[in-house]
Amino acid sequence: QTNEYERFLDDKSHYDAQGNKIVAKNIAVQLVNLSVIDDKLRLKLEQGSSGKALLCQEGVCELGSYKKSSNKRAVYYAKNGSEFIWSAGPTWIEMIDDWSLLEY
């Protein structure tokens, strides 16, 4: 109804410190290499210069891609190769190392 993606924590709505639901208008999920680097379970992310991405907005998700130059933000591309145009509002960038973990 609001064209937003609501964040959940332990299967419950997640709220910020002011009591507002945490939501985003856009979500990008990048496929990256992840590895645990110590006993505190901190992760090393190896993003690479390009890769697959799942791009979501307005209740629709599509497979696309990203490209990233050093010291610059990643640029996302729709499946047709054109630069992905984001809706106005908060955007979440999520990184995973296994597409099979992703449900949408």
PDB file of N, CA and C in Angstrom:
ATOM      1  N   GLN A   1       0.814  -1.207   0.000  1.00  0.00           N
ATOM      2  CA  GLN A   1       0.000   0.000   0.000  1.00  0.00           C
ATOM      3  C   GLN A   1       0.858   1.272   0.000  1.00  0.00           C
ATOM      4  N   THR A   2       2.001   1.229   0.671  1.00  0.00           N
ATOM      5  CA  THR A   2       2.851   2.425   0.752  1.00  0.00           C
ATOM      6  C   THR A   2       4.053   2.352  -0.177  1.00  0.00           C
ATOM      7  N   ASN A   3       4.191   1.241  -0.913  1.00  0.00           N
ATOM      8  CA  ASN A   3       5.358   1.019  -1.777  1.00  0.00           C
ATOM      9  C   ASN A   3       6.663   1.113  -1.008  1.00  0.00           C
ATOM     10  N   GLU A   4       6.658   0.588   0.213  1.00  0.00           N
ATOM     11  CA  GLU A   4       7.855   0.563   1.044  1.00  0.00           C
ATOM     12  C   GLU A   4       8.133  -0.878   1.467  1.00  0.00           C
ATOM     13  N   TYR A   5       9.387  -1.133   1.794  1.00  0.00           N
ATOM     14  CA  TYR A   5       9.799  -2.436   2.310  1.00  0.00           C
ATOM     15  C   TYR A   5      10.052  -2.279   3.795  1.00  0.00           C
ATOM     16  N   GLU A   6       9.365  -3.080   4.569  1.00  0.00           N
ATOM     17  CA  GLU A   6       9.464  -2.999   6.023  1.00  0.00           C
ATOM     18  C   GLU A   6      10.540  -3.953   6.523  1.00  0.00           C
ATOM     19  N   ARG A   7      11.342  -3.490   7.456  1.00  0.00           N
ATOM     20  CA  ARG A   7      12.386  -4.330   8.044  1.00  0.00           C
ATOM     21  C   ARG A   7      11.801  -5.121   9.211  1.00  0.00           C
ATOM     22  N   PHE A   8      12.173  -6.410   9.279  1.00  0.00           N
ATOM     23  CA  PHE A   8      11.750  -7.282  10.362  1.00  0.00           C
ATOM     24  C   PHE A   8      12.968  -7.801  11.106  1.00  0.00           C
ATOM     25  N   LEU A   9      12.827  -7.991  12.394  1.00  0.00           N
ATOM     26  CA  LEU A   9      13.857  -8.568  13.247  1.00  0.00           C
ATOM     27  C   LEU A   9      13.177  -9.631  14.098  1.00  0.00           C
ATOM     28  N   ASP A  10      13.646 -10.861  14.006  1.00  0.00           N
ATOM     29  CA  ASP A  10      13.013 -11.987  14.704  1.00  0.00           C
ATOM     30  C   ASP A  10      11.530 -12.096  14.363  1.00  0.00           C
ATOM     31  N   ASP A  11      11.206 -11.928  13.094  1.00  0.00           N
ATOM     32  CA  ASP A  11       9.838 -12.044  12.582  1.00  0.00           C
ATOM     33  C   ASP A  11       8.876 -10.991  13.121  1.00  0.00           C
ATOM     34  N   LYS A  12       9.405  -9.886  13.649  1.00  0.00           N
ATOM     35  CA  LYS A  12       8.572  -8.788  14.139  1.00  0.00           C
ATOM     36  C   LYS A  12       9.025  -7.489  13.483  1.00  0.00           C
ATOM     37  N   SER A  13       8.093  -6.541  13.327  1.00  0.00           N
ATOM     38  CA  SER A  13       8.456  -5.236  12.782  1.00  0.00           C
ATOM     39  C   SER A  13       9.591  -4.645  13.598  1.00  0.00           C
ATOM     40  N   HIS A  14      10.558  -4.038  12.905  1.00  0.00           N
ATOM     41  CA  HIS A  14      11.717  -3.428  13.557  1.00  0.00           C
ATOM     42  C   HIS A  14      11.465  -1.924  13.634  1.00  0.00           C
ATOM     43  N   TYR A  15      11.690  -1.340  14.811  1.00  0.00           N
ATOM     44  CA  TYR A  15      11.410   0.080  15.038  1.00  0.00           C
ATOM     45  C   TYR A  15      12.699   0.815  15.375  1.00  0.00           C
ATOM     46  N   ASP A  16      12.749   2.110  15.013  1.00  0.00           N
ATOM     47  CA  ASP A  16      13.901   2.927  15.384  1.00  0.00           C
ATOM     48  C   ASP A  16      13.732   3.448  16.813  1.00  0.00           C
ATOM     49  N   ALA A  17      14.692   4.245  17.277  1.00  0.00           N
ATOM     50  CA  ALA A  17      14.683   4.735  18.665  1.00  0.00           C
ATOM     51  C   ALA A  17      13.470   5.614  18.967  1.00  0.00           C
ATOM     52  N   GLN A  18      12.876   6.214  17.931  1.00  0.00           N
ATOM     53  CA  GLN A  18      11.695   7.068  18.124  1.00  0.00           C
ATOM     54  C   GLN A  18      10.388   6.292  18.014  1.00  0.00           C
ATOM     55  N   GLY A  19      10.466   4.987  17.795  1.00  0.00           N
ATOM     56  CA  GLY A  19       9.267   4.167  17.716  1.00  0.00           C
ATOM     57  C   GLY A  19       8.655   4.070  16.331  1.00  0.00           C
ATOM     58  N   ASN A  20       9.355   4.536  15.292  1.00  0.00           N
ATOM     59  CA  ASN A  20       8.867   4.455  13.921  1.00  0.00           C
ATOM     60  C   ASN A  20       9.331   3.156  13.266  1.00  0.00           C
ATOM     61  N   LYS A  21       8.447   2.545  12.473  1.00  0.00           N
ATOM     62  CA  LYS A  21       8.850   1.361  11.732  1.00  0.00           C
ATOM     63  C   LYS A  21       9.993   1.725  10.787  1.00  0.00           C
ATOM     64  N   ILE A  22      10.955   0.816  10.671  1.00  0.00           N
ATOM     65  CA  ILE A  22      12.073   1.033   9.758  1.00  0.00           C
ATOM     66  C   ILE A  22      11.664   0.525   8.383  1.00  0.00           C
ATOM     67  N   VAL A  23      11.699   1.407   7.396  1.00  0.00           N
ATOM     68  CA  VAL A  23      11.268   1.074   6.038  1.00  0.00           C
ATOM     69  C   VAL A  23      12.239   1.665   5.013  1.00  0.00           C
ATOM     70  N   ALA A  24      12.190   1.120   3.808  1.00  0.00           N
ATOM     71  CA  ALA A  24      12.968   1.646   2.685  1.00  0.00           C
ATOM     72  C   ALA A  24      12.091   1.648   1.441  1.00  0.00           C
ATOM     73  N   LYS A  25      12.426   2.500   0.502  1.00  0.00           N
ATOM     74  CA  LYS A  25      11.721   2.555  -0.778  1.00  0.00           C
ATOM     75  C   LYS A  25      12.366   1.629  -1.805  1.00  0.00           C
ATOM     76  N   ASN A  26      13.668   1.382  -1.640  1.00  0.00           N
ATOM     77  CA  ASN A  26      14.441   0.595  -2.595  1.00  0.00           C
ATOM     78  C   ASN A  26      15.346  -0.371  -1.846  1.00  0.00           C
ATOM     79  N   ILE A  27      15.626  -1.509  -2.476  1.00  0.00           N
ATOM     80  CA  ILE A  27      16.576  -2.464  -1.918  1.00  0.00           C
ATOM     81  C   ILE A  27      17.440  -2.995  -3.057  1.00  0.00           C
ATOM     82  N   ALA A  28      18.745  -3.030  -2.829  1.00  0.00           N
ATOM     83  CA  ALA A  28      19.676  -3.709  -3.733  1.00  0.00           C
ATOM     84  C   ALA A  28      20.359  -4.800  -2.935  1.00  0.00           C
ATOM     85  N   VAL A  29      20.428  -5.979  -3.501  1.00  0.00           N
ATOM     86  CA  VAL A  29      21.126  -7.091  -2.864  1.00  0.00           C
ATOM     87  C   VAL A  29      22.262  -7.485  -3.800  1.00  0.00           C
ATOM     88  N   GLN A  30      23.492  -7.383  -3.303  1.00  0.00           N
ATOM     89  CA  GLN A  30      24.665  -7.717  -4.095  1.00  0.00           C
ATOM     90  C   GLN A  30      25.203  -9.080  -3.690  1.00  0.00           C
ATOM     91  N   LEU A  31      25.654  -9.841  -4.667  1.00  0.00           N
ATOM     92  CA  LEU A  31      26.322 -11.108  -4.414  1.00  0.00           C
ATOM     93  C   LEU A  31      27.811 -10.815  -4.259  1.00  0.00           C
ATOM     94  N   VAL A  32      28.371 -11.126  -3.074  1.00  0.00           N
ATOM     95  CA  VAL A  32      29.778 -10.849  -2.773  1.00  0.00           C
ATOM     96  C   VAL A  32      30.401 -12.063  -2.094  1.00  0.00           C
ATOM     97  N   ASN A  33      31.702 -12.043  -1.974  1.00  0.00           N
ATOM     98  CA  ASN A  33      32.403 -13.066  -1.202  1.00  0.00           C
ATOM     99  C   ASN A  33      32.514 -12.573   0.234  1.00  0.00           C
ATOM    100  N   LEU A  34      32.092 -13.402   1.186  1.00  0.00           N
ATOM    101  CA  LEU A  34      32.168 -13.080   2.603  1.00  0.00           C
ATOM    102  C   LEU A  34      33.008 -14.134   3.302  1.00  0.00           C
ATOM    103  N   SER A  35      33.795 -13.687   4.290  1.00  0.00           N
ATOM    104  CA  SER A  35      34.515 -14.643   5.121  1.00  0.00           C
ATOM    105  C   SER A  35      34.616 -14.102   6.539  1.00  0.00           C
ATOM    106  N   VAL A  36      34.527 -14.993   7.509  1.00  0.00           N
ATOM    107  CA  VAL A  36      34.661 -14.625   8.916  1.00  0.00           C
ATOM    108  C   VAL A  36      36.151 -14.448   9.198  1.00  0.00           C
ATOM    109  N   ILE A  37      36.511 -13.302   9.836  1.00  0.00           N
ATOM    110  CA  ILE A  37      37.936 -13.012  10.031  1.00  0.00           C
ATOM    111  C   ILE A  37      38.432 -13.219  11.455  1.00  0.00           C
ATOM    112  N   ASP A  38      37.514 -13.399  12.432  1.00  0.00           N
ATOM    113  CA  ASP A  38      37.988 -13.593  13.798  1.00  0.00           C
ATOM    114  C   ASP A  38      36.912 -14.251  14.659  1.00  0.00           C
ATOM    115  N   ASP A  39      37.240 -14.469  15.929  1.00  0.00           N
ATOM    116  CA  ASP A  39      36.311 -15.154  16.824  1.00  0.00           C
ATOM    117  C   ASP A  39      35.124 -14.298  17.248  1.00  0.00           C
ATOM    118  N   LYS A  40      35.116 -13.006  16.877  1.00  0.00           N
ATOM    119  CA  LYS A  40      33.971 -12.130  17.137  1.00  0.00           C
ATOM    120  C   LYS A  40      32.998 -12.136  15.961  1.00  0.00           C
ATOM    121  N   LEU A  41      33.273 -12.995  14.995  1.00  0.00           N
ATOM    122  CA  LEU A  41      32.440 -13.190  13.804  1.00  0.00           C
ATOM    123  C   LEU A  41      32.363 -11.969  12.906  1.00  0.00           C
ATOM    124  N   ARG A  42      33.393 -11.128  12.941  1.00  0.00           N
ATOM    125  CA  ARG A  42      33.441 -10.000  12.004  1.00  0.00           C
ATOM    126  C   ARG A  42      33.690 -10.548  10.602  1.00  0.00           C
ATOM    127  N   LEU A  43      33.114  -9.856   9.628  1.00  0.00           N
ATOM    128  CA  LEU A  43      33.172 -10.330   8.250  1.00  0.00           C
ATOM    129  C   LEU A  43      34.096  -9.482   7.396  1.00  0.00           C
ATOM    130  N   LYS A  44      34.741 -10.142   6.463  1.00  0.00           N
ATOM    131  CA  LYS A  44      35.490  -9.464   5.411  1.00  0.00           C
ATOM    132  C   LYS A  44      34.629  -9.557   4.155  1.00  0.00           C
ATOM    133  N   LEU A  45      34.338  -8.416   3.546  1.00  0.00           N
ATOM    134  CA  LEU A  45      33.534  -8.359   2.330  1.00  0.00           C
ATOM    135  C   LEU A  45      34.454  -8.136   1.140  1.00  0.00           C
ATOM    136  N   GLU A  46      34.347  -8.987   0.155  1.00  0.00           N
ATOM    137  CA  GLU A  46      35.089  -8.798  -1.081  1.00  0.00           C
ATOM    138  C   GLU A  46      34.067  -8.532  -2.174  1.00  0.00           C
ATOM    139  N   GLN A  47      33.837  -7.236  -2.403  1.00  0.00           N
ATOM    140  CA  GLN A  47      32.777  -6.810  -3.300  1.00  0.00           C
ATOM    141  C   GLN A  47      33.153  -7.017  -4.760  1.00  0.00           C
ATOM    142  N   GLY A  48      34.391  -6.831  -5.120  1.00  0.00           N
ATOM    143  CA  GLY A  48      34.786  -6.935  -6.513  1.00  0.00           C
ATOM    144  C   GLY A  48      34.347  -5.715  -7.302  1.00  0.00           C
ATOM    145  N   SER A  49      34.732  -5.657  -8.548  1.00  0.00           N
ATOM    146  CA  SER A  49      34.418  -4.484  -9.365  1.00  0.00           C
ATOM    147  C   SER A  49      33.086  -4.607 -10.089  1.00  0.00           C
ATOM    148  N   SER A  50      32.496  -5.809 -10.104  1.00  0.00           N
ATOM    149  CA  SER A  50      31.191  -5.992 -10.738  1.00  0.00           C
ATOM    150  C   SER A  50      30.604  -7.314 -10.287  1.00  0.00           C
ATOM    151  N   GLY A  51      29.298  -7.453 -10.485  1.00  0.00           N
ATOM    152  CA  GLY A  51      28.653  -8.696 -10.111  1.00  0.00           C
ATOM    153  C   GLY A  51      27.153  -8.632 -10.254  1.00  0.00           C
ATOM    154  N   LYS A  52      26.498  -9.689  -9.799  1.00  0.00           N
ATOM    155  CA  LYS A  52      25.042  -9.785  -9.850  1.00  0.00           C
ATOM    156  C   LYS A  52      24.411  -8.946  -8.746  1.00  0.00           C
ATOM    157  N   ALA A  53      23.199  -8.481  -9.000  1.00  0.00           N
ATOM    158  CA  ALA A  53      22.436  -7.758  -7.985  1.00  0.00           C
ATOM    159  C   ALA A  53      20.949  -8.025  -8.203  1.00  0.00           C
ATOM    160  N   LEU A  54      20.216  -8.026  -7.108  1.00  0.00           N
ATOM    161  CA  LEU A  54      18.766  -8.069  -7.150  1.00  0.00           C
ATOM    162  C   LEU A  54      18.302  -6.664  -6.793  1.00  0.00           C
ATOM    163  N   LEU A  55      17.488  -6.055  -7.644  1.00  0.00           N
ATOM    164  CA  LEU A  55      17.060  -4.663  -7.476  1.00  0.00           C
ATOM    165  C   LEU A  55      15.553  -4.632  -7.261  1.00  0.00           C
ATOM    166  N   CYS A  56      15.135  -4.030  -6.152  1.00  0.00           N
ATOM    167  CA  CYS A  56      13.721  -4.035  -5.769  1.00  0.00           C
ATOM    168  C   CYS A  56      13.200  -2.631  -5.522  1.00  0.00           C
ATOM    169  N   GLN A  57      12.027  -2.351  -6.063  1.00  0.00           N
ATOM    170  CA  GLN A  57      11.296  -1.113  -5.768  1.00  0.00           C
ATOM    171  C   GLN A  57       9.860  -1.277  -6.233  1.00  0.00           C
ATOM    172  N   GLU A  58       8.969  -0.531  -5.613  1.00  0.00           N
ATOM    173  CA  GLU A  58       7.545  -0.562  -5.988  1.00  0.00           C
ATOM    174  C   GLU A  58       6.976  -1.984  -5.961  1.00  0.00           C
ATOM    175  N   GLY A  59       7.499  -2.836  -5.077  1.00  0.00           N
ATOM    176  CA  GLY A  59       6.982  -4.184  -4.945  1.00  0.00           C
ATOM    177  C   GLY A  59       7.436  -5.157  -6.013  1.00  0.00           C
ATOM    178  N   VAL A  60       8.397  -4.755  -6.848  1.00  0.00           N
ATOM    179  CA  VAL A  60       8.892  -5.609  -7.917  1.00  0.00           C
ATOM    180  C   VAL A  60      10.404  -5.762  -7.773  1.00  0.00           C
ATOM    181  N   CYS A  61      10.885  -6.999  -7.912  1.00  0.00           N
ATOM    182  CA  CYS A  61      12.320  -7.270  -7.872  1.00  0.00           C
ATOM    183  C   CYS A  61      12.746  -7.842  -9.219  1.00  0.00           C
ATOM    184  N   GLU A  62      13.929  -7.428  -9.682  1.00  0.00           N
ATOM    185  CA  GLU A  62      14.467  -7.965 -10.920  1.00  0.00           C
ATOM    186  C   GLU A  62      15.965  -8.186 -10.766  1.00  0.00           C
ATOM    187  N   LEU A  63      16.461  -9.202 -11.455  1.00  0.00           N
ATOM    188  CA  LEU A  63      17.893  -9.435 -11.455  1.00  0.00           C
ATOM    189  C   LEU A  63      18.567  -8.385 -12.319  1.00  0.00           C
ATOM    190  N   GLY A  64      19.670  -7.882 -11.830  1.00  0.00           N
ATOM    191  CA  GLY A  64      20.451  -6.900 -12.561  1.00  0.00           C
ATOM    192  C   GLY A  64      21.911  -7.095 -12.232  1.00  0.00           C
ATOM    193  N   SER A  65      22.648  -6.017 -12.246  1.00  0.00           N
ATOM    194  CA  SER A  65      24.076  -6.103 -11.963  1.00  0.00           C
ATOM    195  C   SER A  65      24.551  -4.797 -11.344  1.00  0.00           C
ATOM    196  N   TYR A  66      25.805  -4.814 -10.897  1.00  0.00           N
ATOM    197  CA  TYR A  66      26.429  -3.597 -10.390  1.00  0.00           C
ATOM    198  C   TYR A  66      27.856  -3.530 -10.906  1.00  0.00           C
ATOM    199  N   LYS A  67      28.380  -2.314 -10.967  1.00  0.00           N
ATOM    200  CA  LYS A  67      29.784  -2.069 -11.272  1.00  0.00           C
ATOM    201  C   LYS A  67      30.282  -1.039 -10.272  1.00  0.00           C
ATOM    202  N   LYS A  68      31.506  -1.245  -9.813  1.00  0.00           N
ATOM    203  CA  LYS A  68      32.071  -0.343  -8.815  1.00  0.00           C
ATOM    204  C   LYS A  68      33.532  -0.080  -9.142  1.00  0.00           C
ATOM    205  N   SER A  69      33.886   1.202  -9.253  1.00  0.00           N
ATOM    206  CA  SER A  69      35.276   1.612  -9.414  1.00  0.00           C
ATOM    207  C   SER A  69      35.818   1.920  -8.035  1.00  0.00           C
ATOM    208  N   SER A  70      37.105   1.786  -7.843  1.00  0.00           N
ATOM    209  CA  SER A  70      37.679   2.057  -6.524  1.00  0.00           C
ATOM    210  C   SER A  70      37.362   3.483  -6.090  1.00  0.00           C
ATOM    211  N   ASN A  71      37.054   3.634  -4.816  1.00  0.00           N
ATOM    212  CA  ASN A  71      36.730   4.919  -4.191  1.00  0.00           C
ATOM    213  C   ASN A  71      35.493   5.594  -4.766  1.00  0.00           C
ATOM    214  N   LYS A  72      34.624   4.862  -5.430  1.00  0.00           N
ATOM    215  CA  LYS A  72      33.379   5.421  -5.953  1.00  0.00           C
ATOM    216  C   LYS A  72      32.242   4.499  -5.565  1.00  0.00           C
ATOM    217  N   ARG A  73      31.036   5.042  -5.588  1.00  0.00           N
ATOM    218  CA  ARG A  73      29.866   4.242  -5.256  1.00  0.00           C
ATOM    219  C   ARG A  73      29.578   3.239  -6.365  1.00  0.00           C
ATOM    220  N   ALA A  74      28.898   2.180  -5.994  1.00  0.00           N
ATOM    221  CA  ALA A  74      28.475   1.189  -6.981  1.00  0.00           C
ATOM    222  C   ALA A  74      27.365   1.791  -7.839  1.00  0.00           C
ATOM    223  N   VAL A  75      27.355   1.438  -9.096  1.00  0.00           N
ATOM    224  CA  VAL A  75      26.290   1.834 -10.019  1.00  0.00           C
ATOM    225  C   VAL A  75      25.540   0.554 -10.380  1.00  0.00           C
ATOM    226  N   TYR A  76      24.225   0.618 -10.338  1.00  0.00           N
ATOM    227  CA  TYR A  76      23.379  -0.542 -10.565  1.00  0.00           C
ATOM    228  C   TYR A  76      22.727  -0.463 -11.934  1.00  0.00           C
ATOM    229  N   TYR A  77      22.595  -1.635 -12.568  1.00  0.00           N
ATOM    230  CA  TYR A  77      22.051  -1.705 -13.914  1.00  0.00           C
ATOM    231  C   TYR A  77      20.891  -2.691 -13.961  1.00  0.00           C
ATOM    232  N   ALA A  78      19.824  -2.299 -14.650  1.00  0.00           N
ATOM    233  CA  ALA A  78      18.663  -3.167 -14.848  1.00  0.00           C
ATOM    234  C   ALA A  78      19.045  -4.307 -15.782  1.00  0.00           C
ATOM    235  N   LYS A  79      18.158  -5.282 -15.897  1.00  0.00           N
ATOM    236  CA  LYS A  79      18.460  -6.445 -16.734  1.00  0.00           C
ATOM    237  C   LYS A  79      18.646  -6.081 -18.202  1.00  0.00           C
ATOM    238  N   ASN A  80      18.100  -4.936 -18.632  1.00  0.00           N
ATOM    239  CA  ASN A  80      18.270  -4.518 -20.032  1.00  0.00           C
ATOM    240  C   ASN A  80      19.581  -3.754 -20.261  1.00  0.00           C
ATOM    241  N   GLY A  81      20.373  -3.562 -19.187  1.00  0.00           N
ATOM    242  CA  GLY A  81      21.674  -2.897 -19.321  1.00  0.00           C
ATOM    243  C   GLY A  81      21.671  -1.414 -19.028  1.00  0.00           C
ATOM    244  N   SER A  82      20.495  -0.810 -18.893  1.00  0.00           N
ATOM    245  CA  SER A  82      20.438   0.623 -18.593  1.00  0.00           C
ATOM    246  C   SER A  82      20.649   0.841 -17.091  1.00  0.00           C
ATOM    247  N   GLU A  83      21.149   2.033 -16.733  1.00  0.00           N
ATOM    248  CA  GLU A  83      21.347   2.328 -15.317  1.00  0.00           C
ATOM    249  C   GLU A  83      20.004   2.285 -14.600  1.00  0.00           C
ATOM    250  N   PHE A  84      19.973   1.642 -13.456  1.00  0.00           N
ATOM    251  CA  PHE A  84      18.744   1.498 -12.681  1.00  0.00           C
ATOM    252  C   PHE A  84      18.392   2.845 -12.048  1.00  0.00           C
ATOM    253  N   ILE A  85      17.146   3.265 -12.188  1.00  0.00           N
ATOM    254  CA  ILE A  85      16.673   4.531 -11.631  1.00  0.00           C
ATOM    255  C   ILE A  85      15.922   4.227 -10.343  1.00  0.00           C
ATOM    256  N   TRP A  86      16.428   4.758  -9.238  1.00  0.00           N
ATOM    257  CA  TRP A  86      15.838   4.517  -7.920  1.00  0.00           C
ATOM    258  C   TRP A  86      14.661   5.444  -7.653  1.00  0.00           C
ATOM    259  N   SER A  87      13.684   4.953  -6.906  1.00  0.00           N
ATOM    260  CA  SER A  87      12.601   5.807  -6.407  1.00  0.00           C
ATOM    261  C   SER A  87      13.176   6.719  -5.326  1.00  0.00           C
ATOM    262  N   ALA A  88      12.582   7.877  -5.142  1.00  0.00           N
ATOM    263  CA  ALA A  88      13.018   8.789  -4.080  1.00  0.00           C
ATOM    264  C   ALA A  88      12.740   8.151  -2.729  1.00  0.00           C
ATOM    265  N   GLY A  89      13.692   8.228  -1.820  1.00  0.00           N
ATOM    266  CA  GLY A  89      13.516   7.687  -0.485  1.00  0.00           C
ATOM    267  C   GLY A  89      14.680   6.815  -0.070  1.00  0.00           C
ATOM    268  N   PRO A  90      14.608   6.263   1.143  1.00  0.00           N
ATOM    269  CA  PRO A  90      15.703   5.438   1.659  1.00  0.00           C
ATOM    270  C   PRO A  90      15.962   4.211   0.787  1.00  0.00           C
ATOM    271  N   THR A  91      17.235   3.893   0.625  1.00  0.00           N
ATOM    272  CA  THR A  91      17.660   2.723  -0.137  1.00  0.00           C
ATOM    273  C   THR A  91      18.558   1.866   0.745  1.00  0.00           C
ATOM    274  N   TRP A  92      18.279   0.577   0.821  1.00  0.00           N
ATOM    275  CA  TRP A  92      19.118  -0.352   1.564  1.00  0.00           C
ATOM    276  C   TRP A  92      19.969  -1.127   0.577  1.00  0.00           C
ATOM    277  N   ILE A  93      21.250  -1.255   0.900  1.00  0.00           N
ATOM    278  CA  ILE A  93      22.159  -2.090   0.131  1.00  0.00           C
ATOM    279  C   ILE A  93      22.510  -3.281   1.032  1.00  0.00           C
ATOM    280  N   GLU A  94      22.129  -4.447   0.614  1.00  0.00           N
ATOM    281  CA  GLU A  94      22.396  -5.672   1.364  1.00  0.00           C
ATOM    282  C   GLU A  94      23.417  -6.493   0.590  1.00  0.00           C
ATOM    283  N   MET A  95      24.268  -7.216   1.309  1.00  0.00           N
ATOM    284  CA  MET A  95      25.280  -8.055   0.668  1.00  0.00           C
ATOM    285  C   MET A  95      25.167  -9.471   1.205  1.00  0.00           C
ATOM    286  N   ILE A  96      25.122 -10.425   0.281  1.00  0.00           N
ATOM    287  CA  ILE A  96      25.048 -11.837   0.650  1.00  0.00           C
ATOM    288  C   ILE A  96      26.067 -12.615  -0.180  1.00  0.00           C
ATOM    289  N   ASP A  97      26.390 -13.807   0.284  1.00  0.00           N
ATOM    290  CA  ASP A  97      27.356 -14.624  -0.457  1.00  0.00           C
ATOM    291  C   ASP A  97      26.732 -15.881  -1.055  1.00  0.00           C
ATOM    292  N   ASP A  98      25.422 -16.019  -0.928  1.00  0.00           N
ATOM    293  CA  ASP A  98      24.763 -17.223  -1.416  1.00  0.00           C
ATOM    294  C   ASP A  98      23.335 -16.885  -1.840  1.00  0.00           C
ATOM    295  N   TRP A  99      23.067 -16.914  -3.138  1.00  0.00           N
ATOM    296  CA  TRP A  99      21.728 -16.574  -3.635  1.00  0.00           C
ATOM    297  C   TRP A  99      20.660 -17.501  -3.057  1.00  0.00           C
ATOM    298  N   SER A 100      21.030 -18.732  -2.711  1.00  0.00           N
ATOM    299  CA  SER A 100      20.021 -19.674  -2.217  1.00  0.00           C
ATOM    300  C   SER A 100      19.438 -19.237  -0.866  1.00  0.00           C
ATOM    301  N   LEU A 101      20.090 -18.317  -0.166  1.00  0.00           N
ATOM    302  CA  LEU A 101      19.575 -17.802   1.110  1.00  0.00           C
ATOM    303  C   LEU A 101      18.506 -16.727   0.907  1.00  0.00           C
ATOM    304  N   LEU A 102      18.354 -16.256  -0.306  1.00  0.00           N
ATOM    305  CA  LEU A 102      17.500 -15.118  -0.595  1.00  0.00           C
ATOM    306  C   LEU A 102      16.090 -15.571  -0.938  1.00  0.00           C
ATOM    307  N   GLU A 103      15.099 -14.974  -0.256  1.00  0.00           N
ATOM    308  CA  GLU A 103      13.688 -15.217  -0.562  1.00  0.00           C
ATOM    309  C   GLU A 103      13.041 -13.894  -0.888  1.00  0.00           C
ATOM    310  N   TYR A 104      12.326 -13.823  -1.988  1.00  0.00           N
ATOM    311  CA  TYR A 104      11.615 -12.597  -2.361  1.00  0.00           C
ATOM    312  C   TYR A 104      10.409 -12.923  -3.191  1.00  0.00           C
TER     313      TYR A 104
END
